[in-house]
Amino acid sequence: MRAIQVSEHGGPEVLRPVEVPAPAAGPGQLLVNTDAIGVNFIDTYIRTGTYPQEVPYIPGAEGTGVVAALGPEVTDFAVGDRVAWASAPGSYAEQVVVPADVAVPVPAGVDAAVAASALLQGMTAHYLIETIYKPEPGETILVHAGAGGVGLLLTQLAAARGVRVITTVSTDEKERLSREAGAAEVLRYGDDLARRVRELTDGIGVAAVYDGVGKATFDAGLDALRVRGMLVLFGAASGPVPPVDPQRLNRGGSLFLTRPTLAHYTRDRAELRWRAGDIFDAVAAGSLRVRIGARYPLAEAEQAHRDLEGRKTTGSIVLLP
C-alpha cells in the first residue's frame, strides 16, 4: 500500500511517499481502507522530534474510512461500516489498523473529509469548553487562533451557549471566518493584546483564555485574565512556553493554569463516545460547521505540513489517499 514515512526527524521534507506491506488486523482491531486523513499540529511536533517517536514511522493518528476486515474478538463493528478515529498511529496511509475501542461510527450524510477532521479537533473543542472550563452565558472568553480548526469549532460551541467570544487572528480573511463562526470581537496579535482585551471587558479581563498557539501568546493571555481566571494551554503552534514562576499566577489574581491533552479526556470508551457523539450529532444536524480549509493528495503530505506550519491554512486540512 502507499503511505507516508518519516525515517529521520526534521522539517516537512522528511515526509516521504513510500510503498509498504499492507497491515493486518489483530485481536480487537479493525483494518480500515482510509477515505480521508486528518492533519494536525501534533503531527508536526512528532515529526520534528519535539514529542519522542522512534523512526522510521508512518505519521498521523486521525482519519476515516470503511472497515475492510475484522480481527478476532471484535463484536461492535462489521465489514463495510464507516468509522472514524483520532488515536490510531500510522494513519497517513491507504490502510490503517485501528483498535476497535478507539473507533467510532460515522453518521450517514457526514462527508468523509469532515469526519476525518471533526473528531480530534472537535473533541478537543468539546473537552475544552465542556470540562476544562465551562463558561456561563454572558461570560467573555479569549480564543487564540480563532480561524484555526479548533478555534472555529470552539467559537461556535461557545457562542451557541451565549458566551461572548474574543478571538485573535492574523489576516482580514481569517477575521471574516472567525466572525462567521460567532466571534463578537476579533483582534490581531501584538504586544498590546492584553490591553485591548481589557478595554473590551471594562478593565476586568476574560474568564478564560484558550491558547493553542503557545510561546507567542502565553504572556498576553495571562495578562488578559480576570481575577481567578483560567488559562488553558492546549497547544504550542508557535513553540513551547518557557518555564513559569507559579508566583506569577498569584500576582495576576490567583489565576489557574492547565496544560491538558485529549487522551486524558477520552480515557474510557464511554467518554470517547460521549464527546464524539456530541460532535458528530451536531455536524449531522448542521448546528456545527466544520471548515475544510485545504485538501491534499496523500503524496503531498510535505506541502500540507508546510502550509500548516506557515499559517497558510484555515480550519482543518486533510489528506486524500
Protein backbone atom coordinates (compact mmCIF):
# COMPACT_ATOMS: atom_id res chain seq x y z
CA MET A 1 0.00 0.00 0.00
CA ARG A 2 1.01 3.64 -0.33
CA ALA A 3 1.92 5.53 2.83
CA ILE A 4 3.98 8.45 4.11
CA GLN A 5 7.06 7.53 6.11
CA VAL A 6 9.42 9.50 8.34
CA SER A 7 12.91 8.00 8.58
CA GLU A 8 14.54 10.91 10.42
CA HIS A 9 13.23 13.82 12.43
CA GLY A 10 13.24 17.19 10.75
CA GLY A 11 11.30 19.57 8.54
CA PRO A 12 8.43 18.76 6.19
CA GLU A 13 10.89 17.32 3.66
CA VAL A 14 11.26 14.17 5.79
CA LEU A 15 7.67 13.19 4.88
CA ARG A 16 8.32 10.78 2.02
CA PRO A 17 5.84 8.71 -0.02
CA VAL A 18 6.67 5.00 0.11
CA GLU A 19 5.26 1.58 -0.71
CA VAL A 20 4.97 -0.65 2.37
CA PRO A 21 3.37 -4.03 3.08
CA ALA A 22 -0.33 -3.82 3.83
CA PRO A 23 -1.13 -4.32 7.53
CA ALA A 24 -3.44 -6.96 9.01
CA ALA A 25 -5.94 -6.64 11.85
CA GLY A 26 -5.01 -8.40 15.06
CA PRO A 27 -7.17 -9.19 18.09
CA GLY A 28 -9.51 -6.31 18.91
CA GLN A 29 -8.53 -4.40 15.76
CA LEU A 30 -10.11 -3.19 12.53
CA LEU A 31 -8.41 -2.98 9.15
CA VAL A 32 -9.77 0.17 7.50
CA ASN A 33 -9.47 1.45 3.93
CA THR A 34 -8.95 5.16 4.50
CA ASP A 35 -11.10 7.74 2.73
CA ALA A 36 -9.60 10.84 4.34
CA ILE A 37 -6.85 11.55 6.87
CA GLY A 38 -6.69 14.41 9.36
CA VAL A 39 -3.57 16.58 9.56
CA ASN A 40 -2.95 18.18 12.94
CA PHE A 41 -0.27 20.26 14.64
CA ILE A 42 0.66 17.35 16.88
CA ASP A 43 1.85 15.57 13.72
CA THR A 44 4.43 18.33 13.26
CA TYR A 45 5.61 18.07 16.87
CA ILE A 46 6.24 14.34 16.40
CA ARG A 47 7.87 14.85 13.01
CA THR A 48 10.42 17.31 14.42
CA GLY A 49 11.17 15.16 17.46
CA THR A 50 9.61 17.61 19.93
CA TYR A 51 7.46 14.67 21.00
CA PRO A 52 9.55 11.47 21.13
CA GLN A 53 8.92 8.89 18.42
CA GLU A 54 11.20 6.16 17.14
CA VAL A 55 11.96 6.22 13.41
CA PRO A 56 11.03 5.04 10.89
CA TYR A 57 7.33 5.50 11.40
CA ILE A 58 4.15 6.36 9.50
CA PRO A 59 2.75 9.63 10.89
CA GLY A 60 -0.82 10.62 11.63
CA ALA A 61 -3.40 9.43 14.13
CA GLU A 62 -6.75 10.64 12.75
CA GLY A 63 -8.86 9.56 9.83
CA THR A 64 -11.99 7.96 8.49
CA GLY A 65 -12.74 5.08 6.18
CA VAL A 66 -14.56 1.82 5.61
CA VAL A 67 -13.88 -1.35 7.60
CA ALA A 68 -12.25 -3.91 5.31
CA ALA A 69 -11.59 -6.70 7.82
CA LEU A 70 -12.13 -7.55 11.46
CA GLY A 71 -9.58 -9.01 13.83
CA PRO A 72 -10.55 -11.65 16.40
CA GLU A 73 -12.64 -10.51 19.37
CA VAL A 74 -14.26 -7.58 17.54
CA THR A 75 -18.02 -7.52 18.13
CA ASP A 76 -19.14 -3.89 17.78
CA PHE A 77 -18.33 -3.40 14.09
CA ALA A 78 -18.87 -5.14 10.77
CA VAL A 79 -17.11 -5.11 7.42
CA GLY A 80 -18.45 -2.16 5.42
CA ASP A 81 -19.05 0.11 8.43
CA ARG A 82 -17.91 3.73 8.16
CA VAL A 83 -15.71 4.62 11.11
CA ALA A 84 -13.51 7.45 12.29
CA TRP A 85 -10.68 7.61 14.79
CA ALA A 86 -8.40 10.16 16.43
CA SER A 87 -5.75 7.95 18.05
CA ALA A 88 -4.58 5.26 15.64
CA PRO A 89 -0.86 5.71 14.83
CA GLY A 90 0.13 5.24 11.21
CA SER A 91 -2.87 6.97 9.67
CA TYR A 92 -1.03 8.62 6.75
CA ALA A 93 -1.68 5.51 4.67
CA GLU A 94 -4.15 3.82 2.35
CA GLN A 95 -4.94 1.23 5.03
CA VAL A 96 -4.80 1.63 8.79
CA VAL A 97 -5.11 -0.80 11.66
CA VAL A 98 -7.45 0.85 14.15
CA PRO A 99 -8.08 -0.52 17.66
CA ALA A 100 -11.82 -1.13 17.87
CA ASP A 101 -12.01 0.63 21.23
CA VAL A 102 -10.93 3.95 19.69
CA ALA A 103 -13.10 3.75 16.56
CA VAL A 104 -16.47 5.49 16.43
CA PRO A 105 -19.30 5.15 13.90
CA VAL A 106 -19.71 7.93 11.34
CA PRO A 107 -23.33 9.04 10.90
CA ALA A 108 -24.87 8.80 7.45
CA GLY A 109 -24.56 12.02 5.49
CA VAL A 110 -21.33 13.20 7.14
CA ASP A 111 -18.72 13.76 4.42
CA ALA A 112 -15.50 11.75 4.72
CA ALA A 113 -13.27 14.83 4.80
CA VAL A 114 -15.44 16.33 7.54
CA ALA A 115 -15.43 13.11 9.54
CA ALA A 116 -11.65 12.85 9.25
CA SER A 117 -11.09 16.34 10.61
CA ALA A 118 -14.00 16.79 13.01
CA LEU A 119 -13.05 14.16 15.52
CA LEU A 120 -9.71 15.20 17.01
CA GLN A 121 -10.31 18.93 16.73
CA GLY A 122 -13.99 18.60 17.59
CA MET A 123 -13.39 16.50 20.70
CA THR A 124 -10.63 18.91 21.69
CA ALA A 125 -13.03 21.83 21.48
CA HIS A 126 -15.60 19.73 23.37
CA TYR A 127 -13.41 18.90 26.36
CA LEU A 128 -12.03 22.44 26.50
CA ILE A 129 -15.46 24.02 26.86
CA GLU A 130 -17.44 21.20 28.47
CA THR A 131 -14.92 20.00 31.04
CA ILE A 132 -11.82 22.17 31.47
CA TYR A 133 -13.65 25.48 31.84
CA LYS A 134 -17.36 25.65 31.09
CA PRO A 135 -18.21 29.32 30.59
CA GLU A 136 -21.62 30.59 31.58
CA PRO A 137 -23.88 32.64 29.28
CA GLY A 138 -22.75 36.25 29.38
CA GLU A 139 -19.14 35.49 30.31
CA THR A 140 -16.34 36.55 27.98
CA ILE A 141 -13.55 34.25 26.82
CA LEU A 142 -10.50 34.70 24.58
CA VAL A 143 -9.74 32.10 21.89
CA HIS A 144 -6.36 32.33 20.17
CA ALA A 145 -6.04 31.28 16.52
CA GLY A 146 -9.73 31.88 16.00
CA ALA A 147 -9.69 30.79 12.35
CA GLY A 148 -7.88 27.50 13.01
CA GLY A 149 -9.61 24.16 13.15
CA VAL A 150 -10.12 24.08 16.93
CA GLY A 151 -10.67 27.84 17.09
CA LEU A 152 -13.60 27.83 14.67
CA LEU A 153 -15.27 24.90 16.42
CA LEU A 154 -14.66 26.26 19.92
CA THR A 155 -16.06 29.65 18.92
CA GLN A 156 -19.24 28.07 17.55
CA LEU A 157 -19.77 25.93 20.66
CA ALA A 158 -19.23 28.89 22.98
CA ALA A 159 -21.35 31.38 21.03
CA ALA A 160 -24.21 28.87 20.84
CA ARG A 161 -24.49 28.93 24.64
CA GLY A 162 -24.48 32.71 24.87
CA VAL A 163 -20.81 33.23 25.66
CA ARG A 164 -19.11 36.36 24.31
CA VAL A 165 -16.05 35.25 22.33
CA ILE A 166 -13.00 37.38 21.56
CA THR A 167 -10.56 35.79 19.10
CA THR A 168 -7.13 36.53 17.69
CA VAL A 169 -6.24 36.09 14.01
CA SER A 170 -3.52 37.27 11.63
CA THR A 171 -5.36 38.36 8.46
CA ASP A 172 -8.57 40.00 7.27
CA GLU A 173 -9.75 36.75 5.69
CA LYS A 174 -9.25 34.89 8.95
CA GLU A 175 -11.15 37.64 10.76
CA ARG A 176 -14.08 37.14 8.40
CA LEU A 177 -14.13 33.39 9.09
CA SER A 178 -13.88 33.94 12.84
CA ARG A 179 -16.79 36.38 12.86
CA GLU A 180 -18.87 33.97 10.78
CA ALA A 181 -18.26 31.36 13.48
CA GLY A 182 -19.70 33.71 16.11
CA ALA A 183 -16.82 35.81 17.42
CA ALA A 184 -18.06 39.08 18.90
CA GLU A 185 -14.66 40.77 18.68
CA VAL A 186 -11.62 39.83 16.58
CA LEU A 187 -8.14 41.15 17.39
CA ARG A 188 -4.71 40.90 15.78
CA TYR A 189 -1.74 39.52 17.64
CA GLY A 190 0.60 42.12 19.16
CA ASP A 191 2.28 43.49 22.24
CA ASP A 192 -0.82 45.41 23.31
CA LEU A 193 -3.18 42.45 23.06
CA ALA A 194 -3.87 42.22 26.80
CA ARG A 195 -4.64 45.95 26.95
CA ARG A 196 -7.10 45.67 24.08
CA VAL A 197 -8.82 42.70 25.73
CA ARG A 198 -9.21 44.66 28.96
CA GLU A 199 -10.64 47.60 27.05
CA LEU A 200 -13.28 45.26 25.64
CA THR A 201 -14.12 43.93 29.11
CA ASP A 202 -14.30 47.24 31.03
CA GLY A 203 -10.94 46.57 32.59
CA ILE A 204 -11.99 43.27 34.15
CA GLY A 205 -10.39 40.72 31.82
CA VAL A 206 -11.74 37.47 30.42
CA ALA A 207 -12.93 34.44 32.35
CA ALA A 208 -10.75 32.05 30.36
CA VAL A 209 -8.13 32.02 27.63
CA TYR A 210 -7.95 29.01 25.31
CA ASP A 211 -4.44 29.01 23.86
CA GLY A 212 -3.23 26.57 21.22
CA VAL A 213 -0.50 28.93 19.99
CA GLY A 214 1.84 28.81 22.97
CA LYS A 215 5.03 30.83 23.25
CA ALA A 216 3.91 33.86 21.22
CA THR A 217 0.61 34.38 23.06
CA PHE A 218 1.13 32.94 26.55
CA ASP A 219 2.20 36.12 28.36
CA ALA A 220 -0.58 38.22 26.84
CA GLY A 221 -3.07 35.52 27.75
CA LEU A 222 -2.12 35.59 31.42
CA ASP A 223 -2.29 39.38 31.44
CA ALA A 224 -5.76 39.33 29.86
CA LEU A 225 -7.37 37.19 32.57
CA ARG A 226 -9.74 38.42 35.26
CA VAL A 227 -9.17 37.58 38.91
CA ARG A 228 -9.36 33.78 39.33
CA GLY A 229 -9.43 33.37 35.56
CA MET A 230 -8.08 30.26 33.81
CA LEU A 231 -5.51 29.93 31.06
CA VAL A 232 -5.96 26.67 29.15
CA LEU A 233 -2.77 25.95 27.21
CA PHE A 234 -3.62 23.11 24.82
CA GLY A 235 -1.00 23.55 22.08
CA ALA A 236 2.23 25.18 21.03
CA ALA A 237 1.97 26.17 17.38
CA SER A 238 4.49 28.99 17.92
CA GLY A 239 6.79 26.93 20.12
CA PRO A 240 6.82 25.63 23.71
CA VAL A 241 6.25 28.03 26.59
CA PRO A 242 9.33 28.65 28.79
CA PRO A 243 9.17 27.68 32.48
CA VAL A 244 6.75 29.79 34.52
CA ASP A 245 7.15 31.04 38.09
CA PRO A 246 3.98 29.96 39.94
CA GLN A 247 4.10 33.22 41.88
CA ARG A 248 3.08 34.96 38.68
CA LEU A 249 -0.33 33.32 38.97
CA ASN A 250 -0.70 34.90 42.41
CA ARG A 251 0.26 38.36 41.18
CA GLY A 252 -2.18 38.07 38.26
CA GLY A 253 -5.12 37.48 40.58
CA SER A 254 -4.99 33.88 41.87
CA LEU A 255 -5.05 32.60 38.31
CA PHE A 256 -5.40 28.99 37.17
CA LEU A 257 -3.15 27.38 34.55
CA THR A 258 -3.62 23.95 32.99
CA ARG A 259 -1.93 22.06 30.16
CA PRO A 260 -4.42 19.36 29.10
CA THR A 261 -4.31 16.78 26.33
CA LEU A 262 -7.14 14.94 24.61
CA ALA A 263 -6.00 11.48 25.70
CA HIS A 264 -6.69 12.36 29.34
CA TYR A 265 -10.22 13.46 28.46
CA THR A 266 -11.13 10.35 26.45
CA ARG A 267 -9.84 7.89 29.00
CA ASP A 268 -12.52 5.25 28.50
CA ARG A 269 -14.94 4.14 25.82
CA ALA A 270 -17.91 5.91 27.40
CA GLU A 271 -16.15 9.30 27.48
CA LEU A 272 -14.92 8.86 23.91
CA ARG A 273 -18.41 8.01 22.65
CA TRP A 274 -19.92 10.95 24.54
CA ARG A 275 -17.57 13.52 23.06
CA ALA A 276 -17.51 12.04 19.56
CA GLY A 277 -21.29 11.57 19.60
CA ASP A 278 -21.93 15.18 20.59
CA ILE A 279 -19.67 16.45 17.81
CA PHE A 280 -20.94 14.15 15.05
CA ASP A 281 -24.58 14.73 16.05
CA ALA A 282 -24.06 18.50 15.85
CA VAL A 283 -22.32 18.19 12.48
CA ALA A 284 -25.05 15.94 11.10
CA ALA A 285 -27.73 18.35 12.35
CA GLY A 286 -25.99 21.32 10.77
CA SER A 287 -25.56 23.20 14.04
CA LEU A 288 -21.77 22.79 13.96
CA ARG A 289 -19.91 23.62 10.77
CA VAL A 290 -16.51 22.08 10.06
CA ARG A 291 -14.46 24.12 7.62
CA ILE A 292 -12.13 22.11 5.40
CA GLY A 293 -9.53 24.71 4.51
CA ALA A 294 -7.44 22.52 2.20
CA ARG A 295 -7.34 19.02 0.73
CA TYR A 296 -4.11 17.40 -0.46
CA PRO A 297 -3.33 14.08 -2.14
CA LEU A 298 -1.64 11.71 0.30
CA ALA A 299 1.65 12.07 -1.60
CA GLU A 300 1.64 15.83 -0.89
CA ALA A 301 1.84 15.47 2.90
CA GLU A 302 5.04 17.53 2.84
CA GLN A 303 3.21 20.51 1.35
CA ALA A 304 0.34 20.08 3.80
CA HIS A 305 2.78 20.40 6.70
CA ARG A 306 4.49 23.41 5.13
CA ASP A 307 1.19 25.21 4.73
CA LEU A 308 0.02 24.29 8.23
CA GLU A 309 3.21 25.49 9.91
CA GLY A 310 3.30 28.58 7.70
CA ARG A 311 -0.18 29.60 8.90
CA LYS A 312 -1.40 29.47 5.30
CA THR A 313 -4.44 27.35 6.10
CA THR A 314 -7.73 27.95 7.88
CA GLY A 315 -10.00 25.42 9.53
CA SER A 316 -8.99 21.78 9.10
CA ILE A 317 -6.85 20.19 6.41
CA VAL A 318 -6.98 16.62 5.14
CA LEU A 319 -5.02 14.16 3.04
CA LEU A 320 -6.88 12.10 0.46
CA PRO A 321 -5.47 8.65 -0.44
